[in-house]
Protein backbone atom coordinates (compact mmCIF):
# COMPACT_ATOMS: atom_id res chain seq x y z
CA MET A 1 12.22 3.52 18.97
CA ARG A 2 13.90 1.67 16.17
CA GLU A 3 15.02 3.47 13.06
CA VAL A 4 13.33 3.08 9.67
CA GLU A 5 14.34 3.18 6.04
CA GLN A 6 11.57 4.96 4.15
CA ILE A 7 10.44 3.45 0.87
CA TYR A 8 7.52 5.74 -0.12
CA TYR A 9 5.09 8.18 1.39
CA ASN A 10 2.18 10.40 0.45
CA GLU A 11 -0.09 12.68 2.42
CA PHE A 12 -2.10 9.64 3.53
CA GLY A 13 0.58 7.23 4.75
CA VAL A 14 4.08 5.86 4.65
CA ALA A 15 5.87 2.60 3.77
CA PHE A 16 9.21 1.64 5.25
CA HIS A 17 11.61 -1.10 6.32
CA TRP A 18 12.57 -1.40 9.94
CA LYS A 19 16.24 -0.91 10.86
CA LYS A 20 18.16 -2.02 13.91
CA ASN A 21 21.89 -1.47 14.48
CA ASN A 22 22.24 -0.26 10.88
CA GLU A 23 20.75 -3.54 9.55
CA VAL A 24 17.72 -3.07 7.32
CA PHE A 25 15.09 -5.81 7.56
CA THR A 26 13.86 -6.08 3.96
CA GLN A 27 11.80 -9.26 4.16
CA LYS A 28 8.68 -7.26 5.07
CA VAL A 29 7.41 -3.70 4.68
CA GLN A 30 5.54 -1.68 7.28
CA ILE A 31 2.73 0.28 5.57
CA VAL A 32 0.96 2.74 7.85
CA PHE A 33 -2.19 4.71 6.97
CA LYS A 34 -5.46 5.58 8.74
CA GLU A 35 -3.80 5.12 12.13
CA MET A 36 -3.09 1.42 11.47
CA GLY A 37 -0.18 -0.54 10.18
CA PHE A 38 0.25 -3.62 8.00
CA TYR A 39 3.49 -5.58 8.07
CA LEU A 40 3.49 -7.24 4.64
CA SER A 41 5.83 -9.21 2.38
CA TYR A 42 6.42 -8.11 -1.21
CA GLU A 43 3.98 -10.76 -2.45
CA GLU A 44 1.29 -9.60 -0.04
CA ILE A 45 1.75 -5.99 -1.20
CA LYS A 46 1.40 -7.15 -4.81
CA ALA A 47 -1.81 -8.99 -3.85
CA PHE A 48 -3.08 -5.84 -2.08
CA ALA A 49 -2.39 -3.78 -5.20
CA GLN A 50 -4.42 -6.28 -7.25
CA ILE A 51 -7.29 -6.15 -4.78
CA ILE A 52 -7.25 -2.35 -4.97
CA ASP A 53 -7.16 -2.38 -8.78
CA ASN A 54 -10.11 -4.81 -8.87
CA THR A 55 -12.05 -2.64 -6.44
CA CYS A 56 -11.39 0.49 -8.52
CA GLU A 57 -12.60 -1.29 -11.66
CA GLU A 58 -15.75 -2.64 -9.92
CA MET A 59 -16.61 0.72 -8.39
CA SER A 60 -18.80 2.42 -10.91
CA CYS A 61 -20.65 5.60 -10.10
CA ASP A 62 -22.62 5.55 -13.37
CA GLY A 63 -26.28 5.42 -12.51
CA CYS A 64 -25.65 5.80 -8.78
CA CYS A 65 -27.49 8.57 -6.98
CA HIS A 66 -24.40 9.42 -4.87
CA LYS A 67 -22.10 10.05 -7.90
CA GLY A 68 -18.83 9.25 -6.10
CA LYS A 69 -19.78 10.93 -2.83
CA CYS A 70 -20.79 7.76 -1.01
CA HIS A 71 -19.89 7.61 2.61
CA LYS A 72 -17.73 4.47 2.94
CA PHE A 73 -17.37 0.99 1.52
CA LEU A 74 -15.34 -2.07 2.50
CA LEU A 75 -11.92 -2.68 0.96
CA LYS A 76 -10.52 -6.19 1.30
CA THR A 77 -6.91 -6.56 2.42
CA PRO A 78 -4.31 -9.32 2.07
CA VAL A 79 -5.20 -10.25 5.68
CA GLU A 80 -8.32 -12.34 5.16
CA GLN A 81 -9.85 -11.36 8.51
CA ILE A 82 -9.53 -7.58 7.91
CA ASP A 83 -11.56 -5.30 5.65
CA LEU A 84 -11.21 -1.53 5.76
CA ALA A 85 -14.05 1.01 5.66
CA VAL A 86 -12.74 3.66 3.23
CA SER A 87 -14.06 6.51 1.15
CA ARG A 88 -13.43 6.81 -2.57
CA ASN A 89 -10.69 9.41 -1.96
CA GLU A 90 -9.03 7.19 0.67
CA LEU A 91 -9.09 4.26 -1.76
CA TYR A 92 -7.13 6.28 -4.32
CA GLN A 93 -4.66 7.50 -1.66
CA ILE A 94 -4.08 3.87 -0.54
CA LYS A 95 -3.68 2.87 -4.22
CA ASP A 96 -1.00 5.56 -4.64
CA LEU A 97 0.79 4.46 -1.47
CA VAL A 98 0.81 0.79 -2.43
CA GLU A 99 1.76 1.35 -6.09
CA GLY A 100 4.48 3.87 -5.14
CA THR A 101 5.87 1.40 -2.63
CA LEU A 102 6.00 -1.38 -5.23
CA PHE A 103 7.55 0.91 -7.81
CA ASN A 104 10.36 2.00 -5.43
CA MET A 105 11.00 -1.52 -4.30
CA ASP A 106 11.21 -2.76 -7.91
CA LEU A 107 13.45 0.18 -8.86
CA TYR A 108 15.79 -0.49 -5.91
CA ASP A 109 15.96 -4.18 -6.85
CA TYR A 110 16.72 -3.30 -10.46
CA ILE A 111 19.48 -0.85 -9.55
CA THR A 112 21.14 -3.01 -6.90
CA ASN A 113 20.70 -6.49 -8.40
CA VAL A 114 19.96 -6.37 -12.10
CA CYS A 115 22.34 -3.55 -13.06
CA ARG A 116 25.34 -4.98 -11.24
CA ASN A 117 28.35 -5.49 -13.47
């Protein structure tokens, strides 16, 4: 098994770059949750974060008889052919995973590229 360089994790999943022979492949990020993995570019992760934000905004439990305890709904992904059946709690765990990944990637870029003297 190849080595990985972890970017972010929570109790629901993990995001990392693959490594081979001490070389880190930073062009794409492996994000794994719910026993599946997505191998996405930075731009695709940003798009996924926007999809998740839009879904959270559209999801209103006001006036709904389930009051946030609905079984599952479909979450779009950056891969057009794939939607995920997730619960409300899973949606927020995925949101944390994706936003934490973006934050750490942006922080690393800032420290290594912007702050160079």
